[in-house]
Each structure stands twice: as C-alpha cells, then as structure tokens.
Amino acid sequence: SQLGTSESGLFVGTIGSVYYLPEG
C-alpha cells in the first residue's frame, strides 16, 4: 500500500491460476 495501492497483500502463482491474500 505504501507504493500506490489501497491495501497490501501477497500474490501466488500456481497452475493456471493466480491467487491473492490480503494482509491480515
């Protein structure tokens, strides 16, 4: 979020999909 978005979190790439985990 400090670099220009409204929230922080983590992306992970698997097979055929990307998933997002919001911080907390």
mmCIF file of all heavy atoms, coordinates in Angstrom:
data_MODEL
# 
_entry.id   MODEL 
# 
loop_
_atom_site.group_PDB 
_atom_site.id 
_atom_site.type_symbol 
_atom_site.label_atom_id 
_atom_site.label_alt_id 
_atom_site.label_comp_id 
_atom_site.label_asym_id 
_atom_site.label_entity_id 
_atom_site.label_seq_id 
_atom_site.pdbx_PDB_ins_code 
_atom_site.Cartn_x 
_atom_site.Cartn_y 
_atom_site.Cartn_z 
_atom_site.occupancy 
_atom_site.B_iso_or_equiv 
_atom_site.pdbx_formal_charge 
_atom_site.auth_seq_id 
_atom_site.auth_comp_id 
_atom_site.auth_asym_id 
_atom_site.auth_atom_id 
_atom_site.pdbx_PDB_model_num 
ATOM 1   N N   . SER A 1 1  ? 0.823  -1.209  0.000   1.00 0.00 ? 1  SER A N   1 
ATOM 2   C CA  . SER A 1 1  ? 0.000  0.000   0.000   1.00 0.00 ? 1  SER A CA  1 
ATOM 3   C C   . SER A 1 1  ? 0.859  1.262   0.000   1.00 0.00 ? 1  SER A C   1 
ATOM 4   O O   . SER A 1 1  ? 0.430  2.311   -0.474  1.00 0.00 ? 1  SER A O   1 
ATOM 5   C CB  . SER A 1 1  ? -0.936 0.003   1.211   1.00 0.00 ? 1  SER A CB  1 
ATOM 6   O OG  . SER A 1 1  ? -0.192 -0.004  2.424   1.00 0.00 ? 1  SER A OG  1 
ATOM 7   N N   . GLN A 1 2  ? 2.078  1.176   0.528   1.00 0.00 ? 2  GLN A N   1 
ATOM 8   C CA  . GLN A 1 2  ? 2.950  2.353   0.548   1.00 0.00 ? 2  GLN A CA  1 
ATOM 9   C C   . GLN A 1 2  ? 3.429  2.733   -0.846  1.00 0.00 ? 2  GLN A C   1 
ATOM 10  O O   . GLN A 1 2  ? 3.910  3.841   -1.073  1.00 0.00 ? 2  GLN A O   1 
ATOM 11  C CB  . GLN A 1 2  ? 4.157  2.103   1.445   1.00 0.00 ? 2  GLN A CB  1 
ATOM 12  C CG  . GLN A 1 2  ? 3.812  1.920   2.910   1.00 0.00 ? 2  GLN A CG  1 
ATOM 13  C CD  . GLN A 1 2  ? 5.058  1.862   3.768   1.00 0.00 ? 2  GLN A CD  1 
ATOM 14  O OE1 . GLN A 1 2  ? 6.025  2.564   3.530   1.00 0.00 ? 2  GLN A OE1 1 
ATOM 15  N NE2 . GLN A 1 2  ? 5.038  1.010   4.770   1.00 0.00 ? 2  GLN A NE2 1 
ATOM 16  N N   . LEU A 1 3  ? 3.298  1.813   -1.788  1.00 0.00 ? 3  LEU A N   1 
ATOM 17  C CA  . LEU A 1 3  ? 3.785  2.072   -3.139  1.00 0.00 ? 3  LEU A CA  1 
ATOM 18  C C   . LEU A 1 3  ? 2.671  2.420   -4.114  1.00 0.00 ? 3  LEU A C   1 
ATOM 19  O O   . LEU A 1 3  ? 2.897  2.513   -5.307  1.00 0.00 ? 3  LEU A O   1 
ATOM 20  C CB  . LEU A 1 3  ? 4.560  0.852   -3.652  1.00 0.00 ? 3  LEU A CB  1 
ATOM 21  C CG  . LEU A 1 3  ? 5.786  0.462   -2.837  1.00 0.00 ? 3  LEU A CG  1 
ATOM 22  C CD1 . LEU A 1 3  ? 6.500  -0.705  -3.478  1.00 0.00 ? 3  LEU A CD1 1 
ATOM 23  C CD2 . LEU A 1 3  ? 6.739  1.635   -2.680  1.00 0.00 ? 3  LEU A CD2 1 
ATOM 24  N N   . GLY A 1 4  ? 1.444  2.585   -3.620  1.00 0.00 ? 4  GLY A N   1 
ATOM 25  C CA  . GLY A 1 4  ? 0.426  3.113   -4.509  1.00 0.00 ? 4  GLY A CA  1 
ATOM 26  C C   . GLY A 1 4  ? -0.864 2.348   -4.613  1.00 0.00 ? 4  GLY A C   1 
ATOM 27  O O   . GLY A 1 4  ? -1.589 2.495   -5.593  1.00 0.00 ? 4  GLY A O   1 
ATOM 28  N N   . THR A 1 5  ? -1.202 1.490   -3.665  1.00 0.00 ? 5  THR A N   1 
ATOM 29  C CA  . THR A 1 5  ? -2.483 0.798   -3.690  1.00 0.00 ? 5  THR A CA  1 
ATOM 30  C C   . THR A 1 5  ? -3.188 1.007   -2.363  1.00 0.00 ? 5  THR A C   1 
ATOM 31  O O   . THR A 1 5  ? -2.600 1.435   -1.382  1.00 0.00 ? 5  THR A O   1 
ATOM 32  C CB  . THR A 1 5  ? -2.304 -0.714  -3.926  1.00 0.00 ? 5  THR A CB  1 
ATOM 33  O OG1 . THR A 1 5  ? -1.465 -1.259  -2.904  1.00 0.00 ? 5  THR A OG1 1 
ATOM 34  C CG2 . THR A 1 5  ? -1.682 -0.992  -5.278  1.00 0.00 ? 5  THR A CG2 1 
ATOM 35  N N   . SER A 1 6  ? -4.470 0.645   -2.345  1.00 0.00 ? 6  SER A N   1 
ATOM 36  C CA  . SER A 1 6  ? -5.262 0.875   -1.140  1.00 0.00 ? 6  SER A CA  1 
ATOM 37  C C   . SER A 1 6  ? -5.051 -0.191  -0.084  1.00 0.00 ? 6  SER A C   1 
ATOM 38  O O   . SER A 1 6  ? -5.513 -0.044  1.038   1.00 0.00 ? 6  SER A O   1 
ATOM 39  C CB  . SER A 1 6  ? -6.752 0.943   -1.503  1.00 0.00 ? 6  SER A CB  1 
ATOM 40  O OG  . SER A 1 6  ? -7.154 -0.255  -2.145  1.00 0.00 ? 6  SER A OG  1 
ATOM 41  N N   . GLU A 1 7  ? -4.387 -1.292  -0.431  1.00 0.00 ? 7  GLU A N   1 
ATOM 42  C CA  . GLU A 1 7  ? -4.140 -2.342  0.547   1.00 0.00 ? 7  GLU A CA  1 
ATOM 43  C C   . GLU A 1 7  ? -2.866 -3.093  0.196   1.00 0.00 ? 7  GLU A C   1 
ATOM 44  O O   . GLU A 1 7  ? -2.340 -2.973  -0.916  1.00 0.00 ? 7  GLU A O   1 
ATOM 45  C CB  . GLU A 1 7  ? -5.315 -3.321  0.609   1.00 0.00 ? 7  GLU A CB  1 
ATOM 46  C CG  . GLU A 1 7  ? -5.595 -4.053  -0.697  1.00 0.00 ? 7  GLU A CG  1 
ATOM 47  C CD  . GLU A 1 7  ? -6.759 -5.022  -0.567  1.00 0.00 ? 7  GLU A CD  1 
ATOM 48  O OE1 . GLU A 1 7  ? -7.908 -4.566  -0.474  1.00 0.00 ? 7  GLU A OE1 1 
ATOM 49  O OE2 . GLU A 1 7  ? -6.492 -6.235  -0.558  1.00 0.00 ? 7  GLU A OE2 1 
ATOM 50  N N   . SER A 1 8  ? -2.368 -3.871  1.162   1.00 0.00 ? 8  SER A N   1 
ATOM 51  C CA  . SER A 1 8  ? -1.182 -4.690  0.955   1.00 0.00 ? 8  SER A CA  1 
ATOM 52  C C   . SER A 1 8  ? -1.570 -6.153  0.966   1.00 0.00 ? 8  SER A C   1 
ATOM 53  O O   . SER A 1 8  ? -2.595 -6.541  1.530   1.00 0.00 ? 8  SER A O   1 
ATOM 54  C CB  . SER A 1 8  ? -0.153 -4.423  2.062   1.00 0.00 ? 8  SER A CB  1 
ATOM 55  O OG  . SER A 1 8  ? 0.256  -3.080  2.069   1.00 0.00 ? 8  SER A OG  1 
ATOM 56  N N   . GLY A 1 9  ? -0.731 -6.984  0.372   1.00 0.00 ? 9  GLY A N   1 
ATOM 57  C CA  . GLY A 1 9  ? -1.019 -8.404  0.364   1.00 0.00 ? 9  GLY A CA  1 
ATOM 58  C C   . GLY A 1 9  ? -0.004 -9.168  -0.451  1.00 0.00 ? 9  GLY A C   1 
ATOM 59  O O   . GLY A 1 9  ? 1.069  -8.664  -0.787  1.00 0.00 ? 9  GLY A O   1 
ATOM 60  N N   . LEU A 1 10 ? -0.350 -10.408 -0.784  1.00 0.00 ? 10 LEU A N   1 
ATOM 61  C CA  . LEU A 1 10 ? 0.583  -11.332 -1.418  1.00 0.00 ? 10 LEU A CA  1 
ATOM 62  C C   . LEU A 1 10 ? -0.111 -12.055 -2.564  1.00 0.00 ? 10 LEU A C   1 
ATOM 63  O O   . LEU A 1 10 ? -1.232 -12.545 -2.414  1.00 0.00 ? 10 LEU A O   1 
ATOM 64  C CB  . LEU A 1 10 ? 1.078  -12.346 -0.387  1.00 0.00 ? 10 LEU A CB  1 
ATOM 65  C CG  . LEU A 1 10 ? 2.103  -13.385 -0.828  1.00 0.00 ? 10 LEU A CG  1 
ATOM 66  C CD1 . LEU A 1 10 ? 3.449  -12.719 -1.130  1.00 0.00 ? 10 LEU A CD1 1 
ATOM 67  C CD2 . LEU A 1 10 ? 2.289  -14.457 0.255   1.00 0.00 ? 10 LEU A CD2 1 
ATOM 68  N N   . PHE A 1 11 ? 0.549  -12.119 -3.717  1.00 0.00 ? 11 PHE A N   1 
ATOM 69  C CA  . PHE A 1 11 ? 0.087  -12.915 -4.847  1.00 0.00 ? 11 PHE A CA  1 
ATOM 70  C C   . PHE A 1 11 ? 0.885  -14.214 -4.906  1.00 0.00 ? 11 PHE A C   1 
ATOM 71  O O   . PHE A 1 11 ? 2.091  -14.220 -4.630  1.00 0.00 ? 11 PHE A O   1 
ATOM 72  C CB  . PHE A 1 11 ? 0.275  -12.165 -6.161  1.00 0.00 ? 11 PHE A CB  1 
ATOM 73  C CG  . PHE A 1 11 ? -0.731 -11.083 -6.422  1.00 0.00 ? 11 PHE A CG  1 
ATOM 74  C CD1 . PHE A 1 11 ? -0.411 -9.758  -6.179  1.00 0.00 ? 11 PHE A CD1 1 
ATOM 75  C CD2 . PHE A 1 11 ? -1.992 -11.395 -6.913  1.00 0.00 ? 11 PHE A CD2 1 
ATOM 76  C CE1 . PHE A 1 11 ? -1.328 -8.752  -6.432  1.00 0.00 ? 11 PHE A CE1 1 
ATOM 77  C CE2 . PHE A 1 11 ? -2.920 -10.395 -7.163  1.00 0.00 ? 11 PHE A CE2 1 
ATOM 78  C CZ  . PHE A 1 11 ? -2.595 -9.075  -6.921  1.00 0.00 ? 11 PHE A CZ  1 
ATOM 79  N N   . VAL A 1 12 ? 0.233  -15.301 -5.318  1.00 0.00 ? 12 VAL A N   1 
ATOM 80  C CA  . VAL A 1 12 ? 0.921  -16.562 -5.555  1.00 0.00 ? 12 VAL A CA  1 
ATOM 81  C C   . VAL A 1 12 ? 0.440  -17.130 -6.888  1.00 0.00 ? 12 VAL A C   1 
ATOM 82  O O   . VAL A 1 12 ? -0.748 -17.025 -7.230  1.00 0.00 ? 12 VAL A O   1 
ATOM 83  C CB  . VAL A 1 12 ? 0.671  -17.588 -4.414  1.00 0.00 ? 12 VAL A CB  1 
ATOM 84  C CG1 . VAL A 1 12 ? -0.809 -17.910 -4.271  1.00 0.00 ? 12 VAL A CG1 1 
ATOM 85  C CG2 . VAL A 1 12 ? 1.470  -18.868 -4.650  1.00 0.00 ? 12 VAL A CG2 1 
ATOM 86  N N   . GLY A 1 13 ? 1.373  -17.689 -7.659  1.00 0.00 ? 13 GLY A N   1 
ATOM 87  C CA  . GLY A 1 13 ? 1.039  -18.315 -8.925  1.00 0.00 ? 13 GLY A CA  1 
ATOM 88  C C   . GLY A 1 13 ? 1.140  -19.826 -8.807  1.00 0.00 ? 13 GLY A C   1 
ATOM 89  O O   . GLY A 1 13 ? 2.136  -20.355 -8.297  1.00 0.00 ? 13 GLY A O   1 
ATOM 90  N N   . THR A 1 14 ? 0.112  -20.531 -9.259  1.00 0.00 ? 14 THR A N   1 
ATOM 91  C CA  . THR A 1 14 ? 0.098  -21.995 -9.192  1.00 0.00 ? 14 THR A CA  1 
ATOM 92  C C   . THR A 1 14 ? 0.077  -22.546 -10.624 1.00 0.00 ? 14 THR A C   1 
ATOM 93  O O   . THR A 1 14 ? 0.893  -22.170 -11.441 1.00 0.00 ? 14 THR A O   1 
ATOM 94  C CB  . THR A 1 14 ? -1.118 -22.487 -8.381  1.00 0.00 ? 14 THR A CB  1 
ATOM 95  O OG1 . THR A 1 14 ? -2.330 -22.055 -9.013  1.00 0.00 ? 14 THR A OG1 1 
ATOM 96  C CG2 . THR A 1 14 ? -1.074 -21.921 -6.974  1.00 0.00 ? 14 THR A CG2 1 
ATOM 97  N N   . ILE A 1 15 ? -0.832 -23.446 -10.924 1.00 0.00 ? 15 ILE A N   1 
ATOM 98  C CA  . ILE A 1 15 ? -1.040 -23.947 -12.287 1.00 0.00 ? 15 ILE A CA  1 
ATOM 99  C C   . ILE A 1 15 ? -2.363 -23.382 -12.786 1.00 0.00 ? 15 ILE A C   1 
ATOM 100 O O   . ILE A 1 15 ? -3.425 -23.696 -12.258 1.00 0.00 ? 15 ILE A O   1 
ATOM 101 C CB  . ILE A 1 15 ? -1.060 -25.487 -12.321 1.00 0.00 ? 15 ILE A CB  1 
ATOM 102 C CG1 . ILE A 1 15 ? 0.311  -26.045 -11.921 1.00 0.00 ? 15 ILE A CG1 1 
ATOM 103 C CG2 . ILE A 1 15 ? -1.418 -25.979 -13.732 1.00 0.00 ? 15 ILE A CG2 1 
ATOM 104 C CD1 . ILE A 1 15 ? 0.357  -27.564 -11.858 1.00 0.00 ? 15 ILE A CD1 1 
ATOM 105 N N   . GLY A 1 16 ? -2.300 -22.517 -13.768 1.00 0.00 ? 16 GLY A N   1 
ATOM 106 C CA  . GLY A 1 16 ? -3.493 -21.960 -14.369 1.00 0.00 ? 16 GLY A CA  1 
ATOM 107 C C   . GLY A 1 16 ? -4.201 -20.911 -13.542 1.00 0.00 ? 16 GLY A C   1 
ATOM 108 O O   . GLY A 1 16 ? -5.273 -20.454 -13.940 1.00 0.00 ? 16 GLY A O   1 
ATOM 109 N N   . SER A 1 17 ? -3.626 -20.496 -12.414 1.00 0.00 ? 17 SER A N   1 
ATOM 110 C CA  . SER A 1 17 ? -4.322 -19.534 -11.555 1.00 0.00 ? 17 SER A CA  1 
ATOM 111 C C   . SER A 1 17 ? -3.331 -18.677 -10.780 1.00 0.00 ? 17 SER A C   1 
ATOM 112 O O   . SER A 1 17 ? -2.229 -19.125 -10.437 1.00 0.00 ? 17 SER A O   1 
ATOM 113 C CB  . SER A 1 17 ? -5.240 -20.247 -10.554 1.00 0.00 ? 17 SER A CB  1 
ATOM 114 O OG  . SER A 1 17 ? -6.255 -20.966 -11.205 1.00 0.00 ? 17 SER A OG  1 
ATOM 115 N N   . VAL A 1 18 ? -3.763 -17.452 -10.504 1.00 0.00 ? 18 VAL A N   1 
ATOM 116 C CA  . VAL A 1 18 ? -3.087 -16.559 -9.570  1.00 0.00 ? 18 VAL A CA  1 
ATOM 117 C C   . VAL A 1 18 ? -4.058 -16.296 -8.432  1.00 0.00 ? 18 VAL A C   1 
ATOM 118 O O   . VAL A 1 18 ? -5.250 -16.071 -8.666  1.00 0.00 ? 18 VAL A O   1 
ATOM 119 C CB  . VAL A 1 18 ? -2.667 -15.241 -10.236 1.00 0.00 ? 18 VAL A CB  1 
ATOM 120 C CG1 . VAL A 1 18 ? -2.166 -14.237 -9.204  1.00 0.00 ? 18 VAL A CG1 1 
ATOM 121 C CG2 . VAL A 1 18 ? -1.597 -15.489 -11.289 1.00 0.00 ? 18 VAL A CG2 1 
ATOM 122 N N   . TYR A 1 19 ? -3.562 -16.342 -7.184  1.00 0.00 ? 19 TYR A N   1 
ATOM 123 C CA  . TYR A 1 19 ? -4.397 -16.094 -6.012  1.00 0.00 ? 19 TYR A CA  1 
ATOM 124 C C   . TYR A 1 19 ? -3.818 -14.918 -5.237  1.00 0.00 ? 19 TYR A C   1 
ATOM 125 O O   . TYR A 1 19 ? -2.602 -14.678 -5.249  1.00 0.00 ? 19 TYR A O   1 
ATOM 126 C CB  . TYR A 1 19 ? -4.463 -17.327 -5.111  1.00 0.00 ? 19 TYR A CB  1 
ATOM 127 C CG  . TYR A 1 19 ? -5.192 -18.494 -5.737  1.00 0.00 ? 19 TYR A CG  1 
ATOM 128 C CD1 . TYR A 1 19 ? -4.522 -19.399 -6.563  1.00 0.00 ? 19 TYR A CD1 1 
ATOM 129 C CD2 . TYR A 1 19 ? -6.555 -18.696 -5.507  1.00 0.00 ? 19 TYR A CD2 1 
ATOM 130 C CE1 . TYR A 1 19 ? -5.184 -20.468 -7.147  1.00 0.00 ? 19 TYR A CE1 1 
ATOM 131 C CE2 . TYR A 1 19 ? -7.229 -19.766 -6.087  1.00 0.00 ? 19 TYR A CE2 1 
ATOM 132 C CZ  . TYR A 1 19 ? -6.539 -20.638 -6.905  1.00 0.00 ? 19 TYR A CZ  1 
ATOM 133 O OH  . TYR A 1 19 ? -7.211 -21.688 -7.484  1.00 0.00 ? 19 TYR A OH  1 
ATOM 134 N N   . TYR A 1 20 ? -4.701 -14.224 -4.532  1.00 0.00 ? 20 TYR A N   1 
ATOM 135 C CA  . TYR A 1 20 ? -4.310 -13.041 -3.764  1.00 0.00 ? 20 TYR A CA  1 
ATOM 136 C C   . TYR A 1 20 ? -4.768 -13.193 -2.318  1.00 0.00 ? 20 TYR A C   1 
ATOM 137 O O   . TYR A 1 20 ? -5.907 -13.583 -2.055  1.00 0.00 ? 20 TYR A O   1 
ATOM 138 C CB  . TYR A 1 20 ? -4.914 -11.783 -4.365  1.00 0.00 ? 20 TYR A CB  1 
ATOM 139 C CG  . TYR A 1 20 ? -4.700 -10.556 -3.512  1.00 0.00 ? 20 TYR A CG  1 
ATOM 140 C CD1 . TYR A 1 20 ? -3.420 -10.029 -3.321  1.00 0.00 ? 20 TYR A CD1 1 
ATOM 141 C CD2 . TYR A 1 20 ? -5.765 -9.929  -2.878  1.00 0.00 ? 20 TYR A CD2 1 
ATOM 142 C CE1 . TYR A 1 20 ? -3.216 -8.916  -2.530  1.00 0.00 ? 20 TYR A CE1 1 
ATOM 143 C CE2 . TYR A 1 20 ? -5.568 -8.806  -2.094  1.00 0.00 ? 20 TYR A CE2 1 
ATOM 144 C CZ  . TYR A 1 20 ? -4.288 -8.309  -1.916  1.00 0.00 ? 20 TYR A CZ  1 
ATOM 145 O OH  . TYR A 1 20 ? -4.087 -7.220  -1.122  1.00 0.00 ? 20 TYR A OH  1 
ATOM 146 N N   . LEU A 1 21 ? -3.848 -12.884 -1.386  1.00 0.00 ? 21 LEU A N   1 
ATOM 147 C CA  . LEU A 1 21 ? -4.145 -12.926 0.050   1.00 0.00 ? 21 LEU A CA  1 
ATOM 148 C C   . LEU A 1 21 ? -3.989 -11.525 0.617   1.00 0.00 ? 21 LEU A C   1 
ATOM 149 O O   . LEU A 1 21 ? -2.864 -11.027 0.756   1.00 0.00 ? 21 LEU A O   1 
ATOM 150 C CB  . LEU A 1 21 ? -3.197 -13.887 0.773   1.00 0.00 ? 21 LEU A CB  1 
ATOM 151 C CG  . LEU A 1 21 ? -3.412 -14.033 2.292   1.00 0.00 ? 21 LEU A CG  1 
ATOM 152 C CD1 . LEU A 1 21 ? -4.711 -14.779 2.588   1.00 0.00 ? 21 LEU A CD1 1 
ATOM 153 C CD2 . LEU A 1 21 ? -2.223 -14.762 2.934   1.00 0.00 ? 21 LEU A CD2 1 
ATOM 154 N N   . PRO A 1 22 ? -5.091 -10.839 0.969   1.00 0.00 ? 22 PRO A N   1 
ATOM 155 C CA  . PRO A 1 22 ? -4.955 -9.521  1.600   1.00 0.00 ? 22 PRO A CA  1 
ATOM 156 C C   . PRO A 1 22 ? -4.219 -9.628  2.935   1.00 0.00 ? 22 PRO A C   1 
ATOM 157 O O   . PRO A 1 22 ? -4.333 -10.644 3.639   1.00 0.00 ? 22 PRO A O   1 
ATOM 158 C CB  . PRO A 1 22 ? -6.410 -9.082  1.810   1.00 0.00 ? 22 PRO A CB  1 
ATOM 159 C CG  . PRO A 1 22 ? -7.208 -9.931  0.880   1.00 0.00 ? 22 PRO A CG  1 
ATOM 160 C CD  . PRO A 1 22 ? -6.490 -11.239 0.805   1.00 0.00 ? 22 PRO A CD  1 
ATOM 161 N N   . GLU A 1 23 ? -3.462 -8.603  3.274   1.00 0.00 ? 23 GLU A N   1 
ATOM 162 C CA  . GLU A 1 23 ? -2.720 -8.604  4.532   1.00 0.00 ? 23 GLU A CA  1 
ATOM 163 C C   . GLU A 1 23 ? -3.683 -8.769  5.709   1.00 0.00 ? 23 GLU A C   1 
ATOM 164 O O   . GLU A 1 23 ? -4.715 -8.100  5.786   1.00 0.00 ? 23 GLU A O   1 
ATOM 165 C CB  . GLU A 1 23 ? -1.934 -7.303  4.684   1.00 0.00 ? 23 GLU A CB  1 
ATOM 166 C CG  . GLU A 1 23 ? -1.034 -7.272  5.900   1.00 0.00 ? 23 GLU A CG  1 
ATOM 167 C CD  . GLU A 1 23 ? -0.176 -6.026  5.958   1.00 0.00 ? 23 GLU A CD  1 
ATOM 168 O OE1 . GLU A 1 23 ? -0.352 -5.135  5.117   1.00 0.00 ? 23 GLU A OE1 1 
ATOM 169 O OE2 . GLU A 1 23 ? 0.684  -5.935  6.851   1.00 0.00 ? 23 GLU A OE2 1 
ATOM 170 N N   . GLY A 1 24 ? -3.356 -9.689  6.613   1.00 0.00 ? 24 GLY A N   1 
ATOM 171 C CA  . GLY A 1 24 ? -4.177 -9.943  7.781   1.00 0.00 ? 24 GLY A CA  1 
ATOM 172 C C   . GLY A 1 24 ? -5.351 -10.866 7.529   1.00 0.00 ? 24 GLY A C   1 
ATOM 173 O O   . GLY A 1 24 ? -6.124 -11.151 8.452   1.00 0.00 ? 24 GLY A O   1 
# 
